[in-house]
Amino acid sequence: MVWLDDVQWGQDSLAFVAHMLGAQLRAPSAVLVVATVRAEPLAERGVERELLAELRARPDVEWLTVGPLARPHWPALIRELLG
């Protein structure tokens, strides 16, 4: 598993994901790539927005939209994080 966080800030991260997906076509292997992206900064990051659009268009990419954590769940998260 490869996890890349906040890929909206880096063309290199997105290029790496595209490279890994291309490598899967040549030599399939058991790998999961998880990349997180924040939508708001993309308005000012044209290159990253285009790279993400290219990735989203691929048939081997699954895109999930995750909303914010509901306020009633905040205390449980805080307890879990603080131990």
Protein backbone atom coordinates (compact mmCIF):
# COMPACT_ATOMS: atom_id res chain seq x y z
CA MET A 1 0.00 0.00 0.00
CA VAL A 2 1.24 3.45 -0.91
CA TRP A 3 -0.48 6.41 0.73
CA LEU A 4 0.12 9.92 -0.59
CA ASP A 5 -1.46 12.77 1.36
CA ASP A 6 -2.42 16.20 -0.03
CA VAL A 7 -1.39 15.47 -3.61
CA GLN A 8 -2.93 18.77 -4.73
CA TRP A 9 0.36 20.42 -3.70
CA GLY A 10 2.67 18.38 -5.90
CA GLN A 11 2.97 17.51 -9.54
CA ASP A 12 5.64 14.95 -8.63
CA SER A 13 3.24 12.98 -6.43
CA LEU A 14 0.64 12.87 -9.18
CA ALA A 15 3.25 11.88 -11.77
CA PHE A 16 4.34 9.07 -9.43
CA VAL A 17 0.76 7.76 -9.24
CA ALA A 18 0.46 7.85 -13.04
CA HIS A 19 3.79 6.02 -13.32
CA MET A 20 2.69 3.32 -10.87
CA LEU A 21 -0.57 2.80 -12.76
CA GLY A 22 1.34 2.51 -16.03
CA ALA A 23 3.68 -0.04 -14.46
CA GLN A 24 0.65 -2.11 -13.47
CA LEU A 25 -0.26 -2.48 -17.13
CA ARG A 26 3.21 -3.84 -17.96
CA ALA A 27 3.75 -5.98 -14.86
CA PRO A 28 0.71 -6.33 -12.60
CA SER A 29 1.38 -6.61 -8.89
CA ALA A 30 -0.61 -6.43 -5.68
CA VAL A 31 -0.41 -2.74 -4.84
CA LEU A 32 -2.95 -0.26 -3.59
CA VAL A 33 -2.33 3.44 -4.05
CA VAL A 34 -4.35 5.79 -1.85
CA ALA A 35 -4.02 9.49 -2.59
CA THR A 36 -5.83 12.22 -0.72
CA VAL A 37 -6.62 15.57 -2.26
CA ARG A 38 -8.30 18.72 -1.01
CA ALA A 39 -10.58 20.27 -3.60
CA GLU A 40 -10.34 23.91 -2.50
CA PRO A 41 -6.68 24.57 -3.43
CA LEU A 42 -7.16 23.09 -6.92
CA ALA A 43 -8.85 26.28 -8.13
CA GLU A 44 -5.41 27.91 -8.15
CA ARG A 45 -3.37 24.86 -9.17
CA GLY A 46 -4.09 24.27 -12.84
CA VAL A 47 -1.39 21.69 -13.55
CA GLU A 48 -2.37 19.54 -10.58
CA ARG A 49 -6.05 19.89 -11.48
CA GLU A 50 -5.31 18.62 -15.02
CA LEU A 51 -3.21 15.71 -13.75
CA LEU A 52 -5.99 14.71 -11.37
CA ALA A 53 -8.54 14.89 -14.19
CA GLU A 54 -6.36 12.57 -16.27
CA LEU A 55 -6.11 10.11 -13.38
CA ARG A 56 -9.86 10.24 -12.73
CA ALA A 57 -10.54 9.40 -16.37
CA ARG A 58 -8.65 6.12 -16.13
CA PRO A 59 -10.77 2.96 -15.86
CA ASP A 60 -8.43 1.55 -13.19
CA VAL A 61 -8.91 4.50 -10.81
CA GLU A 62 -11.63 4.57 -8.16
CA TRP A 63 -12.56 8.05 -6.91
CA LEU A 64 -14.24 8.41 -3.54
CA THR A 65 -15.52 11.65 -2.08
CA VAL A 66 -15.34 11.77 1.70
CA GLY A 67 -17.11 14.56 3.52
CA PRO A 68 -16.17 16.10 6.86
CA LEU A 69 -16.62 14.19 10.09
CA ALA A 70 -20.01 14.98 11.61
CA ARG A 71 -19.78 17.10 14.76
CA PRO A 72 -21.34 14.44 17.05
CA HIS A 73 -18.37 12.16 16.25
CA TRP A 74 -15.69 14.71 17.19
CA PRO A 75 -15.46 13.70 20.89
CA ALA A 76 -14.90 10.04 20.01
CA LEU A 77 -12.15 10.96 17.55
CA ILE A 78 -10.46 13.22 20.10
CA ARG A 79 -10.63 10.48 22.77
CA GLU A 80 -9.15 7.97 20.35
CA LEU A 81 -6.33 10.30 19.31
CA LEU A 82 -5.44 11.35 22.83
CA GLY A 83 -5.69 7.87 24.26
